[in-house]
Amino acid sequence: MDTQQPDKCKNCGAALQPSTAATLKCNYCGSIFEKTATAVSPQAQPNGNNNPSQQVKNYPVDPSAKQVNSGCGLAVLIFIILAAVLALLIKYTGQGSSYNLSDSTAVDSSLLHNTIKPARDASAAAIAKAEKDSTLKSKLKELSLIEVDAATFKKLYRNTRRRYDQFSRSTFIYDQTSPRYINVKGIFVYLSQDTTGNELRLTTQYTADNWLFINSMSFNADGENFNDFSPKFKRDNGQGMIWEWSDEPVPDLNLSMLAKIATAKRAKIRYDGEQYYNELTITAAQKAAIKRQLQVYKGLLLGYDKTR
């Protein structure tokens, strides 16, 4: 039989303290044991609570434990708040691609304009080029009867008569046979050349003893009539003679009219005045001069003046 004196409570494991000369008592759970007993004394009874979980509730509470638990709860609360704020930031930041730039003070509007402007300029340049190409194509179509190559153009261009006007800063290009003065009867074509391009102009000059007071004129080339070109006429007189003349740019739609006159076998011009009219034959020399000028004009359109 083991007569060893117990030193710990068999019920809760706490240290035993002498209660009487023959017994030991557990001050924690209240159990009583005999000093030399090999078994628990019949008087040794637990405090009526053998449930360990309930026994834990009776343990003394450590104040520092409450502080730890309180700090953990505060940390959890702060973490939840931060998580909510972060979620809101992510939500609104994700919508950044659809917000209005005008609502943001961090965007430099000049940078936006600088980004957009080249696109607009490129678009405007493309439109202008398309219009220019379309106009060139239309003019070349109207001049389809006039044939010219680079060599022919350069020869004709070199032989033209030119006059520079310092006030308008324009160069006027004439055929060598074109009249120099307005009191000479005739019809001819010349070019007005400046920094904006080349303009084709038609001049008609009528001289007689009496006024015709020309209101309009029309052409006939190999039986085909053209009466949709009616420039305004100016008048002057001297030494018993009168002269009436017109000098205006040729619309693109009338280029084919000039081409047909220049290549016609027979061509006439009719001047209609207030009471009378007068018909004149366009001579072979005049038709040849018109053709040469149309060849020069077409060569300029094709850029032959810029080739070697």
C-alpha atoms as a PDB file:
ATOM      1  CA  MET A   1       0.000   0.000   0.000  1.00  0.00           C
ATOM      2  CA  ASP A   2       1.412   3.333  -0.889  1.00  0.00           C
ATOM      3  CA  THR A   3       1.518   5.446   2.198  1.00  0.00           C
ATOM      4  CA  GLN A   4       3.136   8.373   0.450  1.00  0.00           C
ATOM      5  CA  GLN A   5       1.544  11.579   1.548  1.00  0.00           C
ATOM      6  CA  PRO A   6      -0.291  13.272  -1.348  1.00  0.00           C
ATOM      7  CA  ASP A   7       0.883  16.789  -2.120  1.00  0.00           C
ATOM      8  CA  LYS A   8      -1.615  17.717  -4.844  1.00  0.00           C
ATOM      9  CA  CYS A   9      -5.378  17.593  -5.033  1.00  0.00           C
ATOM     10  CA  LYS A  10      -6.575  14.629  -7.026  1.00  0.00           C
ATOM     11  CA  ASN A  11      -9.631  16.571  -8.114  1.00  0.00           C
ATOM     12  CA  CYS A  12      -8.174  19.840  -9.430  1.00  0.00           C
ATOM     13  CA  GLY A  13      -4.401  19.366  -9.164  1.00  0.00           C
ATOM     14  CA  ALA A  14      -3.886  22.321  -6.796  1.00  0.00           C
ATOM     15  CA  ALA A  15      -1.387  22.114  -3.936  1.00  0.00           C
ATOM     16  CA  LEU A  16      -2.727  20.686  -0.669  1.00  0.00           C
ATOM     17  CA  GLN A  17      -2.327  22.464   2.631  1.00  0.00           C
ATOM     18  CA  PRO A  18      -2.520  20.884   6.124  1.00  0.00           C
ATOM     19  CA  SER A  19      -5.980  21.282   7.543  1.00  0.00           C
ATOM     20  CA  THR A  20      -5.703  19.180  10.729  1.00  0.00           C
ATOM     21  CA  ALA A  21      -3.147  16.818  12.119  1.00  0.00           C
ATOM     22  CA  ALA A  22      -4.554  13.981  10.008  1.00  0.00           C
ATOM     23  CA  THR A  23      -5.945  15.721   6.953  1.00  0.00           C
ATOM     24  CA  LEU A  24      -4.911  17.891   4.031  1.00  0.00           C
ATOM     25  CA  LYS A  25      -7.185  20.389   2.396  1.00  0.00           C
ATOM     26  CA  CYS A  26      -7.286  21.862  -1.083  1.00  0.00           C
ATOM     27  CA  ASN A  27      -7.895  25.553  -0.640  1.00  0.00           C
ATOM     28  CA  TYR A  28      -8.853  25.876  -4.296  1.00  0.00           C
ATOM     29  CA  CYS A  29     -11.654  23.278  -4.644  1.00  0.00           C
ATOM     30  CA  GLY A  30     -12.222  22.484  -0.957  1.00  0.00           C
ATOM     31  CA  SER A  31     -11.426  18.749  -1.143  1.00  0.00           C
ATOM     32  CA  ILE A  32     -10.055  17.070   2.077  1.00  0.00           C
ATOM     33  CA  PHE A  33      -7.601  14.204   2.071  1.00  0.00           C
ATOM     34  CA  GLU A  34      -6.038  12.032   4.832  1.00  0.00           C
ATOM     35  CA  LYS A  35      -2.312  12.458   5.128  1.00  0.00           C
ATOM     36  CA  THR A  36      -1.555   8.696   4.964  1.00  0.00           C
ATOM     37  CA  ALA A  37      -4.674   7.564   3.147  1.00  0.00           C
ATOM     38  CA  THR A  38      -4.252   5.482   0.150  1.00  0.00           C
ATOM     39  CA  ALA A  39      -7.633   6.540  -1.131  1.00  0.00           C
ATOM     40  CA  VAL A  40      -9.809   9.473  -0.903  1.00  0.00           C
ATOM     41  CA  SER A  41     -11.473   9.744   2.447  1.00  0.00           C
ATOM     42  CA  PRO A  42     -15.189   9.308   2.503  1.00  0.00           C
ATOM     43  CA  GLN A  43     -15.263  12.823   3.871  1.00  0.00           C
ATOM     44  CA  ALA A  44     -13.239  14.052   0.981  1.00  0.00           C
ATOM     45  CA  GLN A  45     -15.842  15.413  -1.392  1.00  0.00           C
ATOM     46  CA  PRO A  46     -15.432  17.761  -4.292  1.00  0.00           C
ATOM     47  CA  ASN A  47     -17.096  21.090  -4.064  1.00  0.00           C
ATOM     48  CA  GLY A  48     -20.033  19.735  -6.066  1.00  0.00           C
ATOM     49  CA  ASN A  49     -18.761  20.955  -9.415  1.00  0.00           C
ATOM     50  CA  ASN A  50     -16.778  18.442 -11.469  1.00  0.00           C
ATOM     51  CA  ASN A  51     -17.361  20.244 -14.822  1.00  0.00           C
ATOM     52  CA  PRO A  52     -13.948  21.581 -15.871  1.00  0.00           C
ATOM     53  CA  SER A  53     -15.554  24.324 -17.924  1.00  0.00           C
ATOM     54  CA  GLN A  54     -17.503  25.474 -14.939  1.00  0.00           C
ATOM     55  CA  GLN A  55     -14.397  25.229 -12.798  1.00  0.00           C
ATOM     56  CA  VAL A  56     -12.578  27.558 -15.191  1.00  0.00           C
ATOM     57  CA  LYS A  57     -15.313  30.114 -14.652  1.00  0.00           C
ATOM     58  CA  ASN A  58     -14.441  30.135 -10.994  1.00  0.00           C
ATOM     59  CA  TYR A  59     -10.770  30.897 -11.698  1.00  0.00           C
ATOM     60  CA  PRO A  60      -9.594  34.356 -10.719  1.00  0.00           C
ATOM     61  CA  VAL A  61      -9.678  36.758 -13.688  1.00  0.00           C
ATOM     62  CA  ASP A  62      -6.378  38.292 -14.740  1.00  0.00           C
ATOM     63  CA  PRO A  63      -6.881  42.061 -15.351  1.00  0.00           C
ATOM     64  CA  SER A  64      -4.205  42.052 -18.054  1.00  0.00           C
ATOM     65  CA  ALA A  65      -6.240  39.504 -19.991  1.00  0.00           C
ATOM     66  CA  LYS A  66      -9.159  41.929 -20.242  1.00  0.00           C
ATOM     67  CA  GLN A  67      -6.839  44.572 -21.595  1.00  0.00           C
ATOM     68  CA  VAL A  68      -5.517  42.186 -24.234  1.00  0.00           C
ATOM     69  CA  ASN A  69      -9.013  41.185 -25.304  1.00  0.00           C
ATOM     70  CA  SER A  70     -10.100  44.836 -25.439  1.00  0.00           C
ATOM     71  CA  GLY A  71      -7.068  45.748 -27.609  1.00  0.00           C
ATOM     72  CA  CYS A  72      -7.813  42.889 -30.036  1.00  0.00           C
ATOM     73  CA  GLY A  73     -11.388  44.028 -30.425  1.00  0.00           C
ATOM     74  CA  LEU A  74     -10.285  47.587 -31.185  1.00  0.00           C
ATOM     75  CA  ALA A  75      -7.777  46.319 -33.741  1.00  0.00           C
ATOM     76  CA  VAL A  76     -10.480  44.245 -35.439  1.00  0.00           C
ATOM     77  CA  LEU A  77     -12.787  47.291 -35.588  1.00  0.00           C
ATOM     78  CA  ILE A  78     -10.074  49.476 -37.092  1.00  0.00           C
ATOM     79  CA  PHE A  79      -9.282  46.775 -39.665  1.00  0.00           C
ATOM     80  CA  ILE A  80     -12.977  46.577 -40.704  1.00  0.00           C
ATOM     81  CA  ILE A  81     -13.179  50.371 -41.110  1.00  0.00           C
ATOM     82  CA  LEU A  82      -9.983  50.476 -43.184  1.00  0.00           C
ATOM     83  CA  ALA A  83     -11.238  47.611 -45.367  1.00  0.00           C
ATOM     84  CA  ALA A  84     -14.494  49.483 -46.033  1.00  0.00           C
ATOM     85  CA  VAL A  85     -12.656  52.705 -46.949  1.00  0.00           C
ATOM     86  CA  LEU A  86     -10.313  50.785 -49.250  1.00  0.00           C
ATOM     87  CA  ALA A  87     -13.270  49.114 -50.975  1.00  0.00           C
ATOM     88  CA  LEU A  88     -14.864  52.515 -51.631  1.00  0.00           C
ATOM     89  CA  LEU A  89     -11.611  53.873 -53.040  1.00  0.00           C
ATOM     90  CA  ILE A  90     -11.247  50.909 -55.377  1.00  0.00           C
ATOM     91  CA  LYS A  91     -14.849  51.295 -56.541  1.00  0.00           C
ATOM     92  CA  TYR A  92     -14.570  54.964 -57.482  1.00  0.00           C
ATOM     93  CA  THR A  93     -11.054  54.643 -58.868  1.00  0.00           C
ATOM     94  CA  GLY A  94     -12.243  51.872 -61.192  1.00  0.00           C
ATOM     95  CA  GLN A  95     -14.704  54.309 -62.715  1.00  0.00           C
ATOM     96  CA  GLY A  96     -11.905  56.690 -63.697  1.00  0.00           C
ATOM     97  CA  SER A  97     -12.142  55.815 -67.365  1.00  0.00           C
ATOM     98  CA  SER A  98     -15.683  57.181 -67.599  1.00  0.00           C
ATOM     99  CA  TYR A  99     -15.541  60.334 -65.508  1.00  0.00           C
ATOM    100  CA  ASN A 100     -15.890  63.747 -67.096  1.00  0.00           C
ATOM    101  CA  LEU A 101     -12.558  65.468 -67.715  1.00  0.00           C
ATOM    102  CA  SER A 102     -14.175  68.836 -67.070  1.00  0.00           C
ATOM    103  CA  ASP A 103     -14.843  67.788 -63.460  1.00  0.00           C
ATOM    104  CA  SER A 104     -11.157  67.182 -62.749  1.00  0.00           C
ATOM    105  CA  THR A 105      -8.926  70.060 -61.766  1.00  0.00           C
ATOM    106  CA  ALA A 106      -5.854  67.875 -62.198  1.00  0.00           C
ATOM    107  CA  VAL A 107      -6.179  67.797 -66.006  1.00  0.00           C
ATOM    108  CA  ASP A 108      -4.419  70.494 -68.025  1.00  0.00           C
ATOM    109  CA  SER A 109      -6.880  71.545 -70.737  1.00  0.00           C
ATOM    110  CA  SER A 110      -4.079  72.846 -72.948  1.00  0.00           C
ATOM    111  CA  LEU A 111      -2.648  69.331 -73.129  1.00  0.00           C
ATOM    112  CA  LEU A 112      -6.009  68.044 -74.291  1.00  0.00           C
ATOM    113  CA  HIS A 113      -6.198  70.708 -77.010  1.00  0.00           C
ATOM    114  CA  ASN A 114      -2.675  69.939 -78.144  1.00  0.00           C
ATOM    115  CA  THR A 115      -3.638  66.293 -78.429  1.00  0.00           C
ATOM    116  CA  ILE A 116      -6.808  66.928 -80.423  1.00  0.00           C
ATOM    117  CA  LYS A 117      -5.549  69.687 -82.702  1.00  0.00           C
ATOM    118  CA  PRO A 118      -3.159  67.630 -84.865  1.00  0.00           C
ATOM    119  CA  ALA A 119      -6.010  65.277 -85.682  1.00  0.00           C
ATOM    120  CA  ARG A 120      -8.197  68.199 -86.764  1.00  0.00           C
ATOM    121  CA  ASP A 121      -5.336  69.681 -88.788  1.00  0.00           C
ATOM    122  CA  ALA A 122      -4.669  66.334 -90.431  1.00  0.00           C
ATOM    123  CA  SER A 123      -8.333  65.967 -91.254  1.00  0.00           C
ATOM    124  CA  ALA A 124      -8.556  69.490 -92.687  1.00  0.00           C
ATOM    125  CA  ALA A 125      -5.416  68.904 -94.763  1.00  0.00           C
ATOM    126  CA  ALA A 126      -6.826  65.625 -96.073  1.00  0.00           C
ATOM    127  CA  ILE A 127     -10.087  67.331 -97.060  1.00  0.00           C
ATOM    128  CA  ALA A 128      -8.246  70.204 -98.750  1.00  0.00           C
ATOM    129  CA  LYS A 129      -6.045  67.752-100.655  1.00  0.00           C
ATOM    130  CA  ALA A 130      -9.076  65.734-101.757  1.00  0.00           C
ATOM    131  CA  GLU A 131     -10.807  68.892-102.987  1.00  0.00           C
ATOM    132  CA  LYS A 132      -7.669  70.015-104.807  1.00  0.00           C
ATOM    133  CA  ASP A 133      -7.254  66.615-106.453  1.00  0.00           C
ATOM    134  CA  SER A 134     -10.921  66.601-107.436  1.00  0.00           C
ATOM    135  CA  THR A 135     -10.625  70.085-108.974  1.00  0.00           C
ATOM    136  CA  LEU A 136      -7.467  69.102-110.858  1.00  0.00           C
ATOM    137  CA  LYS A 137      -9.122  65.957-112.185  1.00  0.00           C
ATOM    138  CA  SER A 138     -12.123  67.991-113.357  1.00  0.00           C
ATOM    139  CA  LYS A 139      -9.930  70.543-115.153  1.00  0.00           C
ATOM    140  CA  LEU A 140      -7.878  67.884-116.894  1.00  0.00           C
ATOM    141  CA  LYS A 141     -11.074  66.216-118.050  1.00  0.00           C
ATOM    142  CA  GLU A 142     -12.317  69.493-119.536  1.00  0.00           C
ATOM    143  CA  LEU A 143      -8.996  69.843-121.379  1.00  0.00           C
ATOM    144  CA  SER A 144      -8.971  66.284-122.729  1.00  0.00           C
ATOM    145  CA  LEU A 145      -8.832  67.588-126.342  1.00  0.00           C
ATOM    146  CA  ILE A 146      -5.559  69.396-125.614  1.00  0.00           C
ATOM    147  CA  GLU A 147      -2.500  67.161-125.756  1.00  0.00           C
ATOM    148  CA  VAL A 148       0.825  68.173-124.220  1.00  0.00           C
ATOM    149  CA  ASP A 149       3.927  66.462-122.882  1.00  0.00           C
ATOM    150  CA  ALA A 150       6.731  67.806-120.736  1.00  0.00           C
ATOM    151  CA  ALA A 151       9.029  68.620-123.669  1.00  0.00           C
ATOM    152  CA  THR A 152       6.309  70.445-125.600  1.00  0.00           C
ATOM    153  CA  PHE A 153       5.267  72.370-122.495  1.00  0.00           C
ATOM    154  CA  LYS A 154       8.789  73.550-121.759  1.00  0.00           C
ATOM    155  CA  LYS A 155       9.276  74.748-125.321  1.00  0.00           C
ATOM    156  CA  LEU A 156       5.959  76.656-125.363  1.00  0.00           C
ATOM    157  CA  TYR A 157       6.461  78.020-121.847  1.00  0.00           C
ATOM    158  CA  ARG A 158       9.914  79.305-122.779  1.00  0.00           C
ATOM    159  CA  ASN A 159       8.525  81.127-125.812  1.00  0.00           C
ATOM    160  CA  THR A 160       5.686  82.941-124.002  1.00  0.00           C
ATOM    161  CA  ARG A 161       5.632  86.691-123.440  1.00  0.00           C
ATOM    162  CA  ARG A 162       5.557  87.618-119.773  1.00  0.00           C
ATOM    163  CA  ARG A 163       4.834  90.775-117.843  1.00  0.00           C
ATOM    164  CA  TYR A 164       5.243  91.221-114.100  1.00  0.00           C
ATOM    165  CA  ASP A 165       3.018  93.595-112.150  1.00  0.00           C
ATOM    166  CA  GLN A 166       4.704  94.723-108.933  1.00  0.00           C
ATOM    167  CA  PHE A 167       1.489  95.969-107.331  1.00  0.00           C
ATOM    168  CA  SER A 168      -0.472  92.729-107.666  1.00  0.00           C
ATOM    169  CA  ARG A 169       2.737  90.677-107.586  1.00  0.00           C
ATOM    170  CA  SER A 170       1.388  88.662-110.484  1.00  0.00           C
ATOM    171  CA  THR A 171       3.040  87.461-113.646  1.00  0.00           C
ATOM    172  CA  PHE A 172       0.931  87.592-116.815  1.00  0.00           C
ATOM    173  CA  ILE A 173       1.805  84.994-119.456  1.00  0.00           C
ATOM    174  CA  TYR A 174       0.786  85.710-123.059  1.00  0.00           C
ATOM    175  CA  ASP A 175       1.271  84.080-126.424  1.00  0.00           C
ATOM    176  CA  GLN A 176       3.701  86.006-128.579  1.00  0.00           C
ATOM    177  CA  THR A 177       0.930  86.796-131.101  1.00  0.00           C
ATOM    178  CA  SER A 178      -1.563  88.196-128.551  1.00  0.00           C
ATOM    179  CA  PRO A 179      -2.446  91.937-128.978  1.00  0.00           C
ATOM    180  CA  ARG A 180      -0.631  94.334-126.686  1.00  0.00           C
ATOM    181  CA  TYR A 181      -3.320  97.046-126.736  1.00  0.00           C
ATOM    182  CA  ILE A 182      -7.089  97.064-126.269  1.00  0.00           C
ATOM    183  CA  ASN A 183      -7.850  99.095-129.410  1.00  0.00           C
ATOM    184  CA  VAL A 184      -7.012  96.087-131.596  1.00  0.00           C
ATOM    185  CA  LYS A 185      -9.637  93.571-132.666  1.00  0.00           C
ATOM    186  CA  GLY A 186      -8.985  90.070-131.410  1.00  0.00           C
ATOM    187  CA  ILE A 187      -9.629  87.169-129.031  1.00  0.00           C
ATOM    188  CA  PHE A 188      -6.919  85.496-126.952  1.00  0.00           C
ATOM    189  CA  VAL A 189      -6.184  83.567-123.777  1.00  0.00           C
ATOM    190  CA  TYR A 190      -3.544  84.404-121.162  1.00  0.00           C
ATOM    191  CA  LEU A 191      -2.541  83.277-117.679  1.00  0.00           C
ATOM    192  CA  SER A 192      -2.323  85.198-114.427  1.00  0.00           C
ATOM    193  CA  GLN A 193       0.252  83.556-112.163  1.00  0.00           C
ATOM    194  CA  ASP A 194       0.833  84.341-108.468  1.00  0.00           C
ATOM    195  CA  THR A 195       1.596  82.532-105.223  1.00  0.00           C
ATOM    196  CA  THR A 196      -1.908  81.031-105.088  1.00  0.00           C
ATOM    197  CA  GLY A 197      -1.652  79.351-108.485  1.00  0.00           C
ATOM    198  CA  ASN A 198      -2.452  79.883-112.148  1.00  0.00           C
ATOM    199  CA  GLU A 199      -5.632  81.488-113.445  1.00  0.00           C
ATOM    200  CA  LEU A 200      -6.745  81.215-117.061  1.00  0.00           C
ATOM    201  CA  ARG A 201      -8.350  84.355-118.500  1.00  0.00           C
ATOM    202  CA  LEU A 202     -10.123  85.087-121.794  1.00  0.00           C
ATOM    203  CA  THR A 203      -9.959  88.488-123.473  1.00  0.00           C
ATOM    204  CA  THR A 204     -12.162  89.589-126.384  1.00  0.00           C
ATOM    205  CA  GLN A 205     -11.661  92.985-128.128  1.00  0.00           C
ATOM    206  CA  TYR A 206     -14.115  94.563-130.590  1.00  0.00           C
ATOM    207  CA  THR A 207     -13.343  97.694-132.624  1.00  0.00           C
ATOM    208  CA  ALA A 208     -15.555  99.559-135.133  1.00  0.00           C
ATOM    209  CA  ASP A 209     -16.657 102.984-136.313  1.00  0.00           C
ATOM    210  CA  ASN A 210     -19.887 102.915-134.314  1.00  0.00           C
ATOM    211  CA  TRP A 211     -20.883 101.696-130.877  1.00  0.00           C
ATOM    212  CA  LEU A 212     -22.356  98.269-130.583  1.00  0.00           C
ATOM    213  CA  PHE A 213     -22.851  98.446-126.792  1.00  0.00           C
ATOM    214  CA  ILE A 214     -22.205  94.752-126.349  1.00  0.00           C
ATOM    215  CA  ASN A 215     -24.394  93.054-123.735  1.00  0.00           C
ATOM    216  CA  SER A 216     -23.374  89.433-124.346  1.00  0.00           C
ATOM    217  CA  MET A 217     -21.463  87.180-126.686  1.00  0.00           C
ATOM    218  CA  SER A 218     -21.574  83.548-127.809  1.00  0.00           C
ATOM    219  CA  PHE A 219     -19.346  81.111-129.712  1.00  0.00           C
ATOM    220  CA  ASN A 220     -19.836  78.499-132.404  1.00  0.00           C
ATOM    221  CA  ALA A 221     -17.301  75.734-132.982  1.00  0.00           C
ATOM    222  CA  ASP A 222     -17.993  73.359-135.858  1.00  0.00           C
ATOM    223  CA  GLY A 223     -21.750  73.927-135.470  1.00  0.00           C
ATOM    224  CA  GLU A 224     -21.873  73.660-131.649  1.00  0.00           C
ATOM    225  CA  ASN A 225     -23.083  76.795-129.870  1.00  0.00           C
ATOM    226  CA  PHE A 226     -21.746  78.081-126.545  1.00  0.00           C
ATOM    227  CA  ASN A 227     -23.624  80.942-124.924  1.00  0.00           C
ATOM    228  CA  ASP A 228     -23.102  80.403-121.207  1.00  0.00           C
ATOM    229  CA  PHE A 229     -20.019  82.621-120.967  1.00  0.00           C
ATOM    230  CA  SER A 230     -21.092  86.280-120.865  1.00  0.00           C
ATOM    231  CA  PRO A 231     -18.490  88.596-119.375  1.00  0.00           C
ATOM    232  CA  LYS A 232     -19.003  92.286-118.749  1.00  0.00           C
ATOM    233  CA  PHE A 233     -17.698  94.695-121.371  1.00  0.00           C
ATOM    234  CA  LYS A 234     -15.869  97.981-120.974  1.00  0.00           C
ATOM    235  CA  ARG A 235     -15.805 100.791-123.555  1.00  0.00           C
ATOM    236  CA  ASP A 236     -13.536 103.546-124.817  1.00  0.00           C
ATOM    237  CA  ASN A 237     -12.976 105.566-127.979  1.00  0.00           C
ATOM    238  CA  GLY A 238     -10.409 107.751-129.707  1.00  0.00           C
ATOM    239  CA  GLN A 239      -9.425 109.104-133.112  1.00  0.00           C
ATOM    240  CA  GLY A 240     -12.848 108.346-134.567  1.00  0.00           C
ATOM    241  CA  MET A 241     -12.820 104.728-133.424  1.00  0.00           C
ATOM    242  CA  ILE A 242     -14.612 102.878-130.628  1.00  0.00           C
ATOM    243  CA  TRP A 243     -13.500  99.755-128.830  1.00  0.00           C
ATOM    244  CA  GLU A 244     -15.271  97.433-126.455  1.00  0.00           C
ATOM    245  CA  TRP A 245     -13.524  94.677-124.598  1.00  0.00           C
ATOM    246  CA  SER A 246     -13.888  92.048-121.874  1.00  0.00           C
ATOM    247  CA  ASP A 247     -11.242  90.406-119.687  1.00  0.00           C
ATOM    248  CA  GLU A 248     -12.400  87.806-117.152  1.00  0.00           C
ATOM    249  CA  PRO A 249     -11.309  84.461-115.687  1.00  0.00           C
ATOM    250  CA  VAL A 250     -12.579  81.336-117.398  1.00  0.00           C
ATOM    251  CA  PRO A 251     -14.730  79.063-115.200  1.00  0.00           C
ATOM    252  CA  ASP A 252     -13.659  75.417-115.175  1.00  0.00           C
ATOM    253  CA  LEU A 253     -16.867  74.404-116.956  1.00  0.00           C
ATOM    254  CA  ASN A 254     -15.891  76.603-119.911  1.00  0.00           C
ATOM    255  CA  LEU A 255     -12.471  75.051-120.400  1.00  0.00           C
ATOM    256  CA  SER A 256     -13.907  72.453-122.782  1.00  0.00           C
ATOM    257  CA  MET A 257     -15.483  75.311-124.796  1.00  0.00           C
ATOM    258  CA  LEU A 258     -12.057  76.871-125.336  1.00  0.00           C
ATOM    259  CA  ALA A 259     -10.571  73.467-126.178  1.00  0.00           C
ATOM    260  CA  LYS A 260     -13.237  72.916-128.851  1.00  0.00           C
ATOM    261  CA  ILE A 261     -12.727  76.421-130.289  1.00  0.00           C
ATOM    262  CA  ALA A 262      -8.939  75.881-130.408  1.00  0.00           C
ATOM    263  CA  THR A 263      -9.282  72.533-132.236  1.00  0.00           C
ATOM    264  CA  ALA A 264     -12.278  73.397-134.460  1.00  0.00           C
ATOM    265  CA  LYS A 265     -12.040  73.704-138.214  1.00  0.00           C
ATOM    266  CA  ARG A 266     -14.391  76.674-138.169  1.00  0.00           C
ATOM    267  CA  ALA A 267     -15.096  78.885-135.173  1.00  0.00           C
ATOM    268  CA  LYS A 268     -17.001  82.147-134.816  1.00  0.00           C
ATOM    269  CA  ILE A 269     -17.787  84.715-132.143  1.00  0.00           C
ATOM    270  CA  ARG A 270     -21.006  86.738-132.051  1.00  0.00           C
ATOM    271  CA  TYR A 271     -21.370  90.049-130.207  1.00  0.00           C
ATOM    272  CA  ASP A 272     -24.928  91.017-129.259  1.00  0.00           C
ATOM    273  CA  GLY A 273     -25.468  94.746-128.662  1.00  0.00           C
ATOM    274  CA  GLU A 274     -28.433  96.860-127.629  1.00  0.00           C
ATOM    275  CA  GLN A 275     -29.825  97.050-131.191  1.00  0.00           C
ATOM    276  CA  TYR A 276     -27.403  95.171-133.409  1.00  0.00           C
ATOM    277  CA  TYR A 277     -25.060  92.233-133.393  1.00  0.00           C
ATOM    278  CA  ASN A 278     -21.856  91.394-135.211  1.00  0.00           C
ATOM    279  CA  GLU A 279     -20.333  88.015-136.108  1.00  0.00           C
ATOM    280  CA  LEU A 280     -16.608  87.566-136.574  1.00  0.00           C
ATOM    281  CA  THR A 281     -14.567  84.553-137.635  1.00  0.00           C
ATOM    282  CA  ILE A 282     -11.926  83.364-135.226  1.00  0.00           C
ATOM    283  CA  THR A 283      -8.839  83.072-137.412  1.00  0.00           C
ATOM    284  CA  ALA A 284      -6.522  80.072-137.651  1.00  0.00           C
ATOM    285  CA  ALA A 285      -3.753  82.119-136.008  1.00  0.00           C
ATOM    286  CA  GLN A 286      -6.055  83.026-133.114  1.00  0.00           C
ATOM    287  CA  LYS A 287      -7.143  79.375-132.670  1.00  0.00           C
ATOM    288  CA  ALA A 288      -3.489  78.232-132.719  1.00  0.00           C
ATOM    289  CA  ALA A 289      -2.556  80.827-130.089  1.00  0.00           C
ATOM    290  CA  ILE A 290      -5.468  79.710-127.855  1.00  0.00           C
ATOM    291  CA  LYS A 291      -4.344  76.092-128.203  1.00  0.00           C
ATOM    292  CA  ARG A 292      -0.750  76.925-127.238  1.00  0.00           C
ATOM    293  CA  GLN A 293      -1.934  78.766-124.139  1.00  0.00           C
ATOM    294  CA  LEU A 294      -4.165  75.855-123.165  1.00  0.00           C
ATOM    295  CA  GLN A 295      -1.172  73.531-123.552  1.00  0.00           C
ATOM    296  CA  VAL A 296       0.873  75.767-121.240  1.00  0.00           C
ATOM    297  CA  TYR A 297      -1.976  75.874-118.724  1.00  0.00           C
ATOM    298  CA  LYS A 298      -2.434  72.090-118.800  1.00  0.00           C
ATOM    299  CA  GLY A 299       1.328  71.597-118.433  1.00  0.00           C
ATOM    300  CA  LEU A 300       1.287  73.776-115.313  1.00  0.00           C
ATOM    301  CA  LEU A 301      -1.605  71.738-113.909  1.00  0.00           C
ATOM    302  CA  LEU A 302       0.422  68.565-114.494  1.00  0.00           C
ATOM    303  CA  GLY A 303       3.477  70.082-112.799  1.00  0.00           C
ATOM    304  CA  TYR A 304       5.718  69.992-115.839  1.00  0.00           C
ATOM    305  CA  ASP A 305       7.264  73.307-114.761  1.00  0.00           C
ATOM    306  CA  LYS A 306       8.729  71.529-111.705  1.00  0.00           C
ATOM    307  CA  THR A 307      10.390  68.708-113.632  1.00  0.00           C
ATOM    308  CA  ARG A 308      13.824  68.737-115.188  1.00  0.00           C
END
